[in-house]
């Protein structure tokens, strides 16, 4: 368990990094930019790249990812023995990359391995075995996604991506409940809300974009043994997507887009609203639980939020949107 000295040092370090992050009031500066190169110079200053706009987006996104990962690793390095819950949070990057590898294998591997975030000693994927995915995962906690024939696993229609989500959240939750209650007051609230809202977003997306029936949608929701994080999503599976009045008694109504003459549930609006809500929970949790593991958990969540925010700006600017346009889009439901 982390010592009192470690906890105090970690909190001070986290506060220093957050004060220089592009969240909260400082994020308002992003509204004034109009080109991708401006965003690069704003975030990376002297480390900005002189690249054509078409090449800059991918390069900038990769550096934003590395920046977020390095901030989390820097904090973990402040502990003699980093709490498992924090290691699990950092491993979310590896799960995301594994999903990308699955997609690449389905399409046929390119000749060179994709770039990836380096999470140091916490990483398990053996990129040196590329393009042998089975070899890359052999003996790791991810090996379960490939069967003995070298094919992807399939359990009653559950996709590999859903299986990975279930595995990630199950292990994250298990590491959370091992903490003393005073060390996880904010973390537990955030994680409960995150999984529940993630299921709601996913259900809305699958119904809206793929017209999936309720029974099929249920197979794509995150399930954690002993918990019910899909109740809110399942409660809305039969509600009409074009009638807001039918949603008025739904628990998550506040995250839906506002009423209009031609109303239709908007998954992107819901996701933006949920993201801002979780950001506020993390910011409040870090301030209120300075000397608990909660503070470090919330810090990593805040850096991940910042990464998502900056990536959204990068993608919007690359499409010709202004910084103000991107801000208005992201502030849906604020």
C-alpha atoms as a PDB file:
ATOM      1  CA  UNK A   1       0.000   0.000   0.000  1.00  0.00           C
ATOM      2  CA  UNK A   2       1.278   3.486  -0.859  1.00  0.00           C
ATOM      3  CA  UNK A   3       2.851   5.417   2.008  1.00  0.00           C
ATOM      4  CA  UNK A   4       1.631   8.811   3.197  1.00  0.00           C
ATOM      5  CA  UNK A   5       4.718  10.419   1.671  1.00  0.00           C
ATOM      6  CA  UNK A   6       4.094   8.816  -1.697  1.00  0.00           C
ATOM      7  CA  UNK A   7       0.469   9.912  -1.667  1.00  0.00           C
ATOM      8  CA  UNK A   8       1.366  13.524  -0.899  1.00  0.00           C
ATOM      9  CA  UNK A   9       4.074  13.585  -3.575  1.00  0.00           C
ATOM     10  CA  UNK A  10       1.772  12.014  -6.171  1.00  0.00           C
ATOM     11  CA  UNK A  11      -0.975  14.540  -5.483  1.00  0.00           C
ATOM     12  CA  UNK A  12       1.428  17.489  -5.752  1.00  0.00           C
ATOM     13  CA  UNK A  13       2.846  16.121  -8.989  1.00  0.00           C
ATOM     14  CA  UNK A  14      -0.626  15.495 -10.411  1.00  0.00           C
ATOM     15  CA  UNK A  15      -1.726  19.038  -9.564  1.00  0.00           C
ATOM     16  CA  UNK A  16       1.325  20.455 -11.314  1.00  0.00           C
ATOM     17  CA  UNK A  17       0.632  18.505 -14.496  1.00  0.00           C
ATOM     18  CA  UNK A  18      -3.105  19.237 -14.491  1.00  0.00           C
ATOM     19  CA  UNK A  19      -2.443  22.968 -14.093  1.00  0.00           C
ATOM     20  CA  UNK A  20      -0.636  22.891 -17.449  1.00  0.00           C
ATOM     21  CA  UNK A  21      -3.184  20.650 -19.170  1.00  0.00           C
ATOM     22  CA  UNK A  22      -5.653  21.779 -21.835  1.00  0.00           C
ATOM     23  CA  UNK A  23      -8.746  21.259 -19.725  1.00  0.00           C
ATOM     24  CA  UNK A  24     -10.965  23.527 -17.667  1.00  0.00           C
ATOM     25  CA  UNK A  25     -10.443  27.256 -18.256  1.00  0.00           C
ATOM     26  CA  UNK A  26      -7.259  26.701 -20.248  1.00  0.00           C
ATOM     27  CA  UNK A  27      -9.272  24.784 -22.862  1.00  0.00           C
ATOM     28  CA  UNK A  28     -10.914  28.075 -23.887  1.00  0.00           C
ATOM     29  CA  UNK A  29      -7.681  28.957 -25.715  1.00  0.00           C
ATOM     30  CA  UNK A  30      -8.406  26.148 -28.174  1.00  0.00           C
ATOM     31  CA  UNK A  31     -11.447  28.020 -29.477  1.00  0.00           C
ATOM     32  CA  UNK A  32      -9.253  30.615 -31.165  1.00  0.00           C
ATOM     33  CA  UNK A  33      -7.305  28.283 -33.439  1.00  0.00           C
ATOM     34  CA  UNK A  34      -8.224  27.633 -37.063  1.00  0.00           C
ATOM     35  CA  UNK A  35      -5.518  25.335 -38.429  1.00  0.00           C
ATOM     36  CA  UNK A  36      -4.038  22.011 -37.380  1.00  0.00           C
ATOM     37  CA  UNK A  37      -0.526  23.468 -37.314  1.00  0.00           C
ATOM     38  CA  UNK A  38      -1.691  26.054 -34.772  1.00  0.00           C
ATOM     39  CA  UNK A  39      -2.903  23.295 -32.466  1.00  0.00           C
ATOM     40  CA  UNK A  40       0.449  21.535 -32.823  1.00  0.00           C
ATOM     41  CA  UNK A  41       2.379  24.677 -31.904  1.00  0.00           C
ATOM     42  CA  UNK A  42       0.030  25.437 -29.012  1.00  0.00           C
ATOM     43  CA  UNK A  43       0.348  21.999 -27.408  1.00  0.00           C
ATOM     44  CA  UNK A  44       3.929  21.085 -28.274  1.00  0.00           C
ATOM     45  CA  UNK A  45       5.531  24.522 -28.596  1.00  0.00           C
ATOM     46  CA  UNK A  46       9.125  23.993 -29.799  1.00  0.00           C
ATOM     47  CA  UNK A  47       8.391  20.325 -30.528  1.00  0.00           C
ATOM     48  CA  UNK A  48       5.855  21.129 -33.249  1.00  0.00           C
ATOM     49  CA  UNK A  49       6.353  19.510 -36.651  1.00  0.00           C
ATOM     50  CA  UNK A  50       6.639  21.248 -40.012  1.00  0.00           C
ATOM     51  CA  UNK A  51       4.509  18.834 -42.003  1.00  0.00           C
ATOM     52  CA  UNK A  52       1.820  19.182 -44.682  1.00  0.00           C
ATOM     53  CA  UNK A  53      -1.690  19.162 -43.152  1.00  0.00           C
ATOM     54  CA  UNK A  54      -2.476  15.749 -44.669  1.00  0.00           C
ATOM     55  CA  UNK A  55       0.515  14.173 -42.937  1.00  0.00           C
ATOM     56  CA  UNK A  56       0.269  16.194 -39.751  1.00  0.00           C
ATOM     57  CA  UNK A  57      -2.984  14.720 -38.423  1.00  0.00           C
ATOM     58  CA  UNK A  58      -1.719  11.159 -37.908  1.00  0.00           C
ATOM     59  CA  UNK A  59       1.619  12.383 -36.579  1.00  0.00           C
ATOM     60  CA  UNK A  60      -0.037  14.796 -34.142  1.00  0.00           C
ATOM     61  CA  UNK A  61      -2.508  12.192 -32.882  1.00  0.00           C
ATOM     62  CA  UNK A  62       0.358   9.788 -32.216  1.00  0.00           C
ATOM     63  CA  UNK A  63       2.205  12.428 -30.188  1.00  0.00           C
ATOM     64  CA  UNK A  64      -0.936  13.320 -28.242  1.00  0.00           C
ATOM     65  CA  UNK A  65      -1.302   9.654 -27.330  1.00  0.00           C
ATOM     66  CA  UNK A  66       2.339   9.392 -26.261  1.00  0.00           C
ATOM     67  CA  UNK A  67       1.973  12.581 -24.221  1.00  0.00           C
ATOM     68  CA  UNK A  68      -0.988  11.156 -22.304  1.00  0.00           C
ATOM     69  CA  UNK A  69       0.695   7.800 -21.733  1.00  0.00           C
ATOM     70  CA  UNK A  70       3.908   9.429 -20.500  1.00  0.00           C
ATOM     71  CA  UNK A  71       1.985  11.562 -17.994  1.00  0.00           C
ATOM     72  CA  UNK A  72       0.350   8.448 -16.539  1.00  0.00           C
ATOM     73  CA  UNK A  73       3.636   6.516 -16.469  1.00  0.00           C
ATOM     74  CA  UNK A  74       5.358   9.443 -14.766  1.00  0.00           C
ATOM     75  CA  UNK A  75       2.817   9.299 -11.964  1.00  0.00           C
ATOM     76  CA  UNK A  76       3.068   5.519 -11.612  1.00  0.00           C
ATOM     77  CA  UNK A  77       6.836   5.912 -11.376  1.00  0.00           C
ATOM     78  CA  UNK A  78       6.338   7.902  -8.193  1.00  0.00           C
ATOM     79  CA  UNK A  79       5.251   4.764  -6.327  1.00  0.00           C
ATOM     80  CA  UNK A  80       7.628   2.098  -5.038  1.00  0.00           C
ATOM     81  CA  UNK A  81       4.864  -0.372  -5.951  1.00  0.00           C
ATOM     82  CA  UNK A  82       2.163   1.195  -8.157  1.00  0.00           C
ATOM     83  CA  UNK A  83      -1.389   0.220  -7.115  1.00  0.00           C
ATOM     84  CA  UNK A  84      -2.868  -2.385  -9.454  1.00  0.00           C
ATOM     85  CA  UNK A  85      -5.886  -0.184 -10.228  1.00  0.00           C
ATOM     86  CA  UNK A  86      -3.581   2.444 -11.777  1.00  0.00           C
ATOM     87  CA  UNK A  87      -1.718  -0.135 -13.841  1.00  0.00           C
ATOM     88  CA  UNK A  88      -5.082  -1.381 -15.115  1.00  0.00           C
ATOM     89  CA  UNK A  89      -6.022   2.155 -16.138  1.00  0.00           C
ATOM     90  CA  UNK A  90      -2.825   2.501 -18.164  1.00  0.00           C
ATOM     91  CA  UNK A  91      -3.403  -0.844 -19.857  1.00  0.00           C
ATOM     92  CA  UNK A  92      -6.498   0.603 -21.555  1.00  0.00           C
ATOM     93  CA  UNK A  93      -4.091   1.786 -24.256  1.00  0.00           C
ATOM     94  CA  UNK A  94      -2.967  -1.771 -24.936  1.00  0.00           C
ATOM     95  CA  UNK A  95      -6.554  -2.994 -25.159  1.00  0.00           C
ATOM     96  CA  UNK A  96      -7.305  -0.247 -27.690  1.00  0.00           C
ATOM     97  CA  UNK A  97      -4.272  -1.198 -29.763  1.00  0.00           C
ATOM     98  CA  UNK A  98      -5.236  -4.852 -29.615  1.00  0.00           C
ATOM     99  CA  UNK A  99      -8.607  -3.964 -31.141  1.00  0.00           C
ATOM    100  CA  UNK A 100      -6.724  -2.198 -33.935  1.00  0.00           C
ATOM    101  CA  UNK A 101      -4.580  -5.294 -34.461  1.00  0.00           C
ATOM    102  CA  UNK A 102      -7.712  -7.436 -34.694  1.00  0.00           C
ATOM    103  CA  UNK A 103      -9.076  -5.113 -37.377  1.00  0.00           C
ATOM    104  CA  UNK A 104      -5.768  -5.226 -39.255  1.00  0.00           C
ATOM    105  CA  UNK A 105      -5.680  -9.020 -39.204  1.00  0.00           C
ATOM    106  CA  UNK A 106      -9.169  -9.172 -40.633  1.00  0.00           C
ATOM    107  CA  UNK A 107      -8.145  -6.885 -43.499  1.00  0.00           C
ATOM    108  CA  UNK A 108      -4.738  -8.463 -44.003  1.00  0.00           C
ATOM    109  CA  UNK A 109      -1.650  -7.206 -42.233  1.00  0.00           C
ATOM    110  CA  UNK A 110       0.409  -4.405 -43.826  1.00  0.00           C
ATOM    111  CA  UNK A 111       4.124  -5.059 -44.215  1.00  0.00           C
ATOM    112  CA  UNK A 112       5.164  -2.914 -41.252  1.00  0.00           C
ATOM    113  CA  UNK A 113       3.758  -3.094 -37.716  1.00  0.00           C
ATOM    114  CA  UNK A 114       1.565  -0.159 -36.698  1.00  0.00           C
ATOM    115  CA  UNK A 115       2.848   2.480 -34.315  1.00  0.00           C
ATOM    116  CA  UNK A 116       1.782   1.893 -30.746  1.00  0.00           C
ATOM    117  CA  UNK A 117       1.876   3.531 -27.339  1.00  0.00           C
ATOM    118  CA  UNK A 118       4.766   2.323 -25.221  1.00  0.00           C
ATOM    119  CA  UNK A 119       3.483   1.607 -21.710  1.00  0.00           C
ATOM    120  CA  UNK A 120       6.855   0.267 -20.656  1.00  0.00           C
ATOM    121  CA  UNK A 121       7.040  -2.611 -18.189  1.00  0.00           C
ATOM    122  CA  UNK A 122       3.235  -2.777 -18.069  1.00  0.00           C
ATOM    123  CA  UNK A 123       2.965  -3.802 -21.728  1.00  0.00           C
ATOM    124  CA  UNK A 124       2.450  -7.417 -22.760  1.00  0.00           C
ATOM    125  CA  UNK A 125       2.042  -7.505 -26.561  1.00  0.00           C
ATOM    126  CA  UNK A 126       5.209  -8.719 -28.312  1.00  0.00           C
ATOM    127  CA  UNK A 127       5.387  -6.446 -31.347  1.00  0.00           C
ATOM    128  CA  UNK A 128       8.646  -8.111 -32.422  1.00  0.00           C
ATOM    129  CA  UNK A 129       6.588 -11.181 -33.434  1.00  0.00           C
ATOM    130  CA  UNK A 130       4.678  -9.184 -36.069  1.00  0.00           C
ATOM    131  CA  UNK A 131       2.724 -10.235 -38.143  1.00  0.00           C
ATOM    132  CA  UNK A 132       2.140 -13.469 -36.161  1.00  0.00           C
ATOM    133  CA  UNK A 133      -0.700 -12.277 -33.911  1.00  0.00           C
ATOM    134  CA  UNK A 134      -0.848 -15.587 -32.041  1.00  0.00           C
ATOM    135  CA  UNK A 135       2.871 -15.257 -31.321  1.00  0.00           C
ATOM    136  CA  UNK A 136       2.425 -11.638 -30.261  1.00  0.00           C
ATOM    137  CA  UNK A 137      -0.132 -12.694 -27.658  1.00  0.00           C
ATOM    138  CA  UNK A 138       1.111 -16.146 -26.592  1.00  0.00           C
ATOM    139  CA  UNK A 139       1.428 -16.425 -22.820  1.00  0.00           C
ATOM    140  CA  UNK A 140      -0.151 -13.013 -22.213  1.00  0.00           C
ATOM    141  CA  UNK A 141      -3.498 -12.164 -20.638  1.00  0.00           C
ATOM    142  CA  UNK A 142      -4.812 -11.496 -24.147  1.00  0.00           C
ATOM    143  CA  UNK A 143      -4.143 -14.948 -25.571  1.00  0.00           C
ATOM    144  CA  UNK A 144      -7.769 -15.951 -24.935  1.00  0.00           C
ATOM    145  CA  UNK A 145      -8.981 -14.086 -28.042  1.00  0.00           C
ATOM    146  CA  UNK A 146      -7.322 -16.637 -30.366  1.00  0.00           C
ATOM    147  CA  UNK A 147      -8.303 -20.298 -30.398  1.00  0.00           C
ATOM    148  CA  UNK A 148      -6.088 -23.295 -31.164  1.00  0.00           C
ATOM    149  CA  UNK A 149      -6.725 -22.964 -34.886  1.00  0.00           C
ATOM    150  CA  UNK A 150      -5.447 -19.413 -34.861  1.00  0.00           C
ATOM    151  CA  UNK A 151      -8.916 -17.966 -35.388  1.00  0.00           C
ATOM    152  CA  UNK A 152     -10.632 -15.367 -33.227  1.00  0.00           C
ATOM    153  CA  UNK A 153     -12.819 -16.654 -30.425  1.00  0.00           C
ATOM    154  CA  UNK A 154     -16.584 -16.310 -30.655  1.00  0.00           C
ATOM    155  CA  UNK A 155     -18.824 -16.999 -27.678  1.00  0.00           C
ATOM    156  CA  UNK A 156     -22.501 -17.056 -28.597  1.00  0.00           C
ATOM    157  CA  UNK A 157     -22.127 -14.142 -30.953  1.00  0.00           C
ATOM    158  CA  UNK A 158     -19.987 -11.974 -28.671  1.00  0.00           C
ATOM    159  CA  UNK A 159     -17.433 -10.144 -30.806  1.00  0.00           C
ATOM    160  CA  UNK A 160     -13.721 -10.096 -30.028  1.00  0.00           C
ATOM    161  CA  UNK A 161     -14.022  -6.379 -29.327  1.00  0.00           C
ATOM    162  CA  UNK A 162     -16.798  -6.953 -26.782  1.00  0.00           C
ATOM    163  CA  UNK A 163     -14.826  -9.789 -25.192  1.00  0.00           C
ATOM    164  CA  UNK A 164     -11.867  -7.434 -24.791  1.00  0.00           C
ATOM    165  CA  UNK A 165     -14.079  -4.736 -23.257  1.00  0.00           C
ATOM    166  CA  UNK A 166     -15.505  -7.264 -20.808  1.00  0.00           C
ATOM    167  CA  UNK A 167     -12.016  -8.447 -19.897  1.00  0.00           C
ATOM    168  CA  UNK A 168     -10.711  -4.904 -19.402  1.00  0.00           C
ATOM    169  CA  UNK A 169     -13.565  -3.747 -17.191  1.00  0.00           C
ATOM    170  CA  UNK A 170     -13.741  -7.010 -15.238  1.00  0.00           C
ATOM    171  CA  UNK A 171     -10.064  -6.737 -14.277  1.00  0.00           C
ATOM    172  CA  UNK A 172     -10.331  -3.014 -13.612  1.00  0.00           C
ATOM    173  CA  UNK A 173     -13.335  -3.553 -11.363  1.00  0.00           C
ATOM    174  CA  UNK A 174     -11.644  -6.434  -9.539  1.00  0.00           C
ATOM    175  CA  UNK A 175      -8.598  -4.278  -8.801  1.00  0.00           C
ATOM    176  CA  UNK A 176     -10.876  -1.474  -7.617  1.00  0.00           C
ATOM    177  CA  UNK A 177     -12.824  -3.483  -5.044  1.00  0.00           C
ATOM    178  CA  UNK A 178      -9.555  -4.718  -3.515  1.00  0.00           C
ATOM    179  CA  UNK A 179      -8.841  -1.172  -2.340  1.00  0.00           C
ATOM    180  CA  UNK A 180      -9.944   0.093   1.034  1.00  0.00           C
ATOM    181  CA  UNK A 181     -13.206   2.012   0.810  1.00  0.00           C
ATOM    182  CA  UNK A 182     -11.553   5.304   1.704  1.00  0.00           C
ATOM    183  CA  UNK A 183      -9.201   4.836  -1.246  1.00  0.00           C
ATOM    184  CA  UNK A 184     -11.925   4.270  -3.830  1.00  0.00           C
ATOM    185  CA  UNK A 185     -14.870   6.537  -3.003  1.00  0.00           C
ATOM    186  CA  UNK A 186     -14.471   8.667  -6.147  1.00  0.00           C
ATOM    187  CA  UNK A 187     -13.029   5.886  -8.318  1.00  0.00           C
ATOM    188  CA  UNK A 188     -15.945   3.559  -7.708  1.00  0.00           C
ATOM    189  CA  UNK A 189     -18.478   6.277  -8.531  1.00  0.00           C
ATOM    190  CA  UNK A 190     -16.645   7.169 -11.736  1.00  0.00           C
ATOM    191  CA  UNK A 191     -16.202   3.586 -12.865  1.00  0.00           C
ATOM    192  CA  UNK A 192     -19.822   2.655 -12.180  1.00  0.00           C
ATOM    193  CA  UNK A 193     -21.000   5.655 -14.176  1.00  0.00           C
ATOM    194  CA  UNK A 194     -18.454   5.121 -16.951  1.00  0.00           C
ATOM    195  CA  UNK A 195     -19.483   1.533 -17.650  1.00  0.00           C
ATOM    196  CA  UNK A 196     -23.203   2.275 -17.416  1.00  0.00           C
ATOM    197  CA  UNK A 197     -22.956   5.319 -19.711  1.00  0.00           C
ATOM    198  CA  UNK A 198     -20.653   3.470 -22.103  1.00  0.00           C
ATOM    199  CA  UNK A 199     -23.337   0.803 -22.454  1.00  0.00           C
ATOM    200  CA  UNK A 200     -25.983   3.475 -23.100  1.00  0.00           C
ATOM    201  CA  UNK A 201     -23.846   5.113 -25.797  1.00  0.00           C
ATOM    202  CA  UNK A 202     -23.122   1.774 -27.430  1.00  0.00           C
ATOM    203  CA  UNK A 203     -26.778   0.777 -27.406  1.00  0.00           C
ATOM    204  CA  UNK A 204     -27.765   4.085 -29.028  1.00  0.00           C
ATOM    205  CA  UNK A 205     -25.040   3.740 -31.652  1.00  0.00           C
ATOM    206  CA  UNK A 206     -25.964   0.180 -32.574  1.00  0.00           C
ATOM    207  CA  UNK A 207     -29.653   1.008 -32.812  1.00  0.00           C
ATOM    208  CA  UNK A 208     -29.125   4.273 -34.712  1.00  0.00           C
ATOM    209  CA  UNK A 209     -26.367   3.351 -37.161  1.00  0.00           C
ATOM    210  CA  UNK A 210     -26.898  -0.404 -37.569  1.00  0.00           C
ATOM    211  CA  UNK A 211     -30.581  -0.812 -36.678  1.00  0.00           C
ATOM    212  CA  UNK A 212     -29.731  -3.743 -34.426  1.00  0.00           C
ATOM    213  CA  UNK A 213     -32.640  -5.403 -32.584  1.00  0.00           C
ATOM    214  CA  UNK A 214     -32.578  -5.338 -28.746  1.00  0.00           C
ATOM    215  CA  UNK A 215     -31.454  -8.950 -28.274  1.00  0.00           C
ATOM    216  CA  UNK A 216     -28.459  -8.400 -30.541  1.00  0.00           C
ATOM    217  CA  UNK A 217     -27.546  -5.113 -28.862  1.00  0.00           C
ATOM    218  CA  UNK A 218     -27.483  -6.812 -25.444  1.00  0.00           C
ATOM    219  CA  UNK A 219     -24.654  -9.092 -26.601  1.00  0.00           C
ATOM    220  CA  UNK A 220     -22.465  -6.044 -27.234  1.00  0.00           C
ATOM    221  CA  UNK A 221     -22.867  -4.466 -23.793  1.00  0.00           C
ATOM    222  CA  UNK A 222     -20.177  -4.648 -21.125  1.00  0.00           C
ATOM    223  CA  UNK A 223     -20.920  -7.224 -18.441  1.00  0.00           C
ATOM    224  CA  UNK A 224     -19.031  -7.561 -15.157  1.00  0.00           C
ATOM    225  CA  UNK A 225     -19.744 -10.590 -12.973  1.00  0.00           C
ATOM    226  CA  UNK A 226     -21.699  -9.726  -9.855  1.00  0.00           C
ATOM    227  CA  UNK A 227     -22.712  -6.286 -11.130  1.00  0.00           C
ATOM    228  CA  UNK A 228     -25.432  -4.966 -13.425  1.00  0.00           C
ATOM    229  CA  UNK A 229     -24.042  -2.144 -15.498  1.00  0.00           C
ATOM    230  CA  UNK A 230     -26.402  -2.628 -18.430  1.00  0.00           C
ATOM    231  CA  UNK A 231     -29.725  -1.878 -16.697  1.00  0.00           C
ATOM    232  CA  UNK A 232     -29.991   1.698 -17.976  1.00  0.00           C
ATOM    233  CA  UNK A 233     -29.091   0.743 -21.540  1.00  0.00           C
ATOM    234  CA  UNK A 234     -31.498  -2.198 -21.574  1.00  0.00           C
ATOM    235  CA  UNK A 235     -34.306  -0.022 -20.181  1.00  0.00           C
ATOM    236  CA  UNK A 236     -34.104   2.084 -23.331  1.00  0.00           C
ATOM    237  CA  UNK A 237     -33.802  -0.643 -25.967  1.00  0.00           C
ATOM    238  CA  UNK A 238     -37.498  -0.595 -26.846  1.00  0.00           C
ATOM    239  CA  UNK A 239     -37.944   3.184 -26.713  1.00  0.00           C
ATOM    240  CA  UNK A 240     -38.564   4.846 -30.118  1.00  0.00           C
ATOM    241  CA  UNK A 241     -35.556   6.774 -31.373  1.00  0.00           C
ATOM    242  CA  UNK A 242     -37.718   9.542 -32.859  1.00  0.00           C
ATOM    243  CA  UNK A 243     -40.055  10.295 -29.938  1.00  0.00           C
ATOM    244  CA  UNK A 244     -38.453  12.179 -27.031  1.00  0.00           C
ATOM    245  CA  UNK A 245     -41.587  12.030 -24.896  1.00  0.00           C
ATOM    246  CA  UNK A 246     -41.194   8.272 -24.675  1.00  0.00           C
ATOM    247  CA  UNK A 247     -37.802   8.827 -22.969  1.00  0.00           C
ATOM    248  CA  UNK A 248     -38.972  11.243 -20.257  1.00  0.00           C
ATOM    249  CA  UNK A 249     -38.941   8.613 -17.500  1.00  0.00           C
ATOM    250  CA  UNK A 250     -35.553   7.185 -18.526  1.00  0.00           C
ATOM    251  CA  UNK A 251     -32.857   7.527 -15.863  1.00  0.00           C
ATOM    252  CA  UNK A 252     -30.310   8.970 -18.315  1.00  0.00           C
ATOM    253  CA  UNK A 253     -32.636  11.527 -19.934  1.00  0.00           C
ATOM    254  CA  UNK A 254     -30.340  14.427 -18.965  1.00  0.00           C
ATOM    255  CA  UNK A 255     -27.670  13.189 -21.386  1.00  0.00           C
ATOM    256  CA  UNK A 256     -29.973  13.190 -24.423  1.00  0.00           C
ATOM    257  CA  UNK A 257     -30.165  16.011 -26.931  1.00  0.00           C
ATOM    258  CA  UNK A 258     -32.847  18.632 -26.385  1.00  0.00           C
ATOM    259  CA  UNK A 259     -36.356  18.627 -27.781  1.00  0.00           C
ATOM    260  CA  UNK A 260     -36.929  19.795 -31.363  1.00  0.00           C
ATOM    261  CA  UNK A 261     -39.576  19.559 -34.071  1.00  0.00           C
ATOM    262  CA  UNK A 262     -37.744  16.705 -35.787  1.00  0.00           C
ATOM    263  CA  UNK A 263     -36.174  15.102 -32.715  1.00  0.00           C
ATOM    264  CA  UNK A 264     -34.089  11.948 -32.949  1.00  0.00           C
ATOM    265  CA  UNK A 265     -31.814  10.473 -30.299  1.00  0.00           C
ATOM    266  CA  UNK A 266     -28.244  11.522 -31.109  1.00  0.00           C
ATOM    267  CA  UNK A 267     -25.551   9.084 -29.905  1.00  0.00           C
ATOM    268  CA  UNK A 268     -22.776  11.644 -30.442  1.00  0.00           C
ATOM    269  CA  UNK A 269     -24.565  14.230 -28.280  1.00  0.00           C
ATOM    270  CA  UNK A 270     -25.103  11.625 -25.574  1.00  0.00           C
ATOM    271  CA  UNK A 271     -21.434  10.615 -25.673  1.00  0.00           C
ATOM    272  CA  UNK A 272     -20.235  14.227 -25.414  1.00  0.00           C
ATOM    273  CA  UNK A 273     -22.579  14.859 -22.491  1.00  0.00           C
ATOM    274  CA  UNK A 274     -21.411  11.704 -20.724  1.00  0.00           C
ATOM    275  CA  UNK A 275     -17.752  12.580 -21.317  1.00  0.00           C
ATOM    276  CA  UNK A 276     -18.162  16.044 -19.771  1.00  0.00           C
ATOM    277  CA  UNK A 277     -20.007  14.565 -16.806  1.00  0.00           C
ATOM    278  CA  UNK A 278     -17.252  12.011 -16.139  1.00  0.00           C
ATOM    279  CA  UNK A 279     -14.622  14.732 -16.521  1.00  0.00           C
ATOM    280  CA  UNK A 280     -16.326  16.790 -13.823  1.00  0.00           C
ATOM    281  CA  UNK A 281     -16.535  13.767 -11.530  1.00  0.00           C
ATOM    282  CA  UNK A 282     -12.804  13.147 -11.989  1.00  0.00           C
ATOM    283  CA  UNK A 283     -11.881  16.797 -11.403  1.00  0.00           C
ATOM    284  CA  UNK A 284     -13.981  16.935  -8.239  1.00  0.00           C
ATOM    285  CA  UNK A 285     -12.716  13.547  -7.046  1.00  0.00           C
ATOM    286  CA  UNK A 286      -9.076  14.565  -7.404  1.00  0.00           C
ATOM    287  CA  UNK A 287      -9.643  17.712  -5.355  1.00  0.00           C
ATOM    288  CA  UNK A 288     -11.661  16.055  -2.600  1.00  0.00           C
ATOM    289  CA  UNK A 289      -9.510  12.939  -2.115  1.00  0.00           C
ATOM    290  CA  UNK A 290      -6.003  14.379  -2.257  1.00  0.00           C
ATOM    291  CA  UNK A 291      -4.230  11.718  -0.179  1.00  0.00           C
ATOM    292  CA  UNK A 292      -6.019   8.623  -1.457  1.00  0.00           C
ATOM    293  CA  UNK A 293      -5.493   6.380  -4.486  1.00  0.00           C
ATOM    294  CA  UNK A 294      -8.564   8.176  -5.821  1.00  0.00           C
ATOM    295  CA  UNK A 295      -6.444  11.241  -6.594  1.00  0.00           C
ATOM    296  CA  UNK A 296      -4.124   9.297  -8.915  1.00  0.00           C
ATOM    297  CA  UNK A 297      -7.066   7.448 -10.514  1.00  0.00           C
ATOM    298  CA  UNK A 298      -8.799  10.768 -11.226  1.00  0.00           C
ATOM    299  CA  UNK A 299      -5.575  12.288 -12.561  1.00  0.00           C
ATOM    300  CA  UNK A 300      -5.175   9.535 -15.161  1.00  0.00           C
ATOM    301  CA  UNK A 301      -8.832   9.931 -16.142  1.00  0.00           C
ATOM    302  CA  UNK A 302      -8.322  13.687 -16.566  1.00  0.00           C
ATOM    303  CA  UNK A 303      -5.295  13.153 -18.811  1.00  0.00           C
ATOM    304  CA  UNK A 304      -7.253  10.674 -20.905  1.00  0.00           C
ATOM    305  CA  UNK A 305     -10.075  13.210 -21.185  1.00  0.00           C
ATOM    306  CA  UNK A 306      -7.564  15.841 -22.304  1.00  0.00           C
ATOM    307  CA  UNK A 307      -6.168  13.474 -24.926  1.00  0.00           C
ATOM    308  CA  UNK A 308      -9.667  12.818 -26.287  1.00  0.00           C
ATOM    309  CA  UNK A 309     -10.391  16.553 -26.309  1.00  0.00           C
ATOM    310  CA  UNK A 310      -7.221  17.476 -28.185  1.00  0.00           C
ATOM    311  CA  UNK A 311      -7.708  14.600 -30.633  1.00  0.00           C
ATOM    312  CA  UNK A 312     -11.248  15.821 -31.337  1.00  0.00           C
ATOM    313  CA  UNK A 313      -9.888  19.294 -32.055  1.00  0.00           C
ATOM    314  CA  UNK A 314      -7.229  17.842 -34.341  1.00  0.00           C
ATOM    315  CA  UNK A 315      -9.760  15.834 -36.314  1.00  0.00           C
ATOM    316  CA  UNK A 316     -12.198  18.742 -36.537  1.00  0.00           C
ATOM    317  CA  UNK A 317      -9.528  21.181 -37.709  1.00  0.00           C
ATOM    318  CA  UNK A 318      -8.336  18.691 -40.321  1.00  0.00           C
ATOM    319  CA  UNK A 319     -11.889  18.696 -41.735  1.00  0.00           C
ATOM    320  CA  UNK A 320     -11.921  22.462 -42.089  1.00  0.00           C
ATOM    321  CA  UNK A 321     -13.795  23.286 -38.874  1.00  0.00           C
ATOM    322  CA  UNK A 322     -12.732  26.213 -36.712  1.00  0.00           C
ATOM    323  CA  UNK A 323     -11.749  25.766 -33.088  1.00  0.00           C
ATOM    324  CA  UNK A 324     -14.988  27.477 -32.092  1.00  0.00           C
ATOM    325  CA  UNK A 325     -16.988  25.036 -34.248  1.00  0.00           C
ATOM    326  CA  UNK A 326     -15.302  22.079 -32.550  1.00  0.00           C
ATOM    327  CA  UNK A 327     -15.906  23.563 -29.095  1.00  0.00           C
ATOM    328  CA  UNK A 328     -19.622  24.026 -29.756  1.00  0.00           C
ATOM    329  CA  UNK A 329     -19.880  20.455 -31.013  1.00  0.00           C
ATOM    330  CA  UNK A 330     -18.089  19.069 -27.944  1.00  0.00           C
ATOM    331  CA  UNK A 331     -20.017  21.164 -25.471  1.00  0.00           C
ATOM    332  CA  UNK A 332     -23.302  19.459 -26.286  1.00  0.00           C
ATOM    333  CA  UNK A 333     -25.078  18.818 -23.036  1.00  0.00           C
ATOM    334  CA  UNK A 334     -22.609  20.833 -20.967  1.00  0.00           C
END
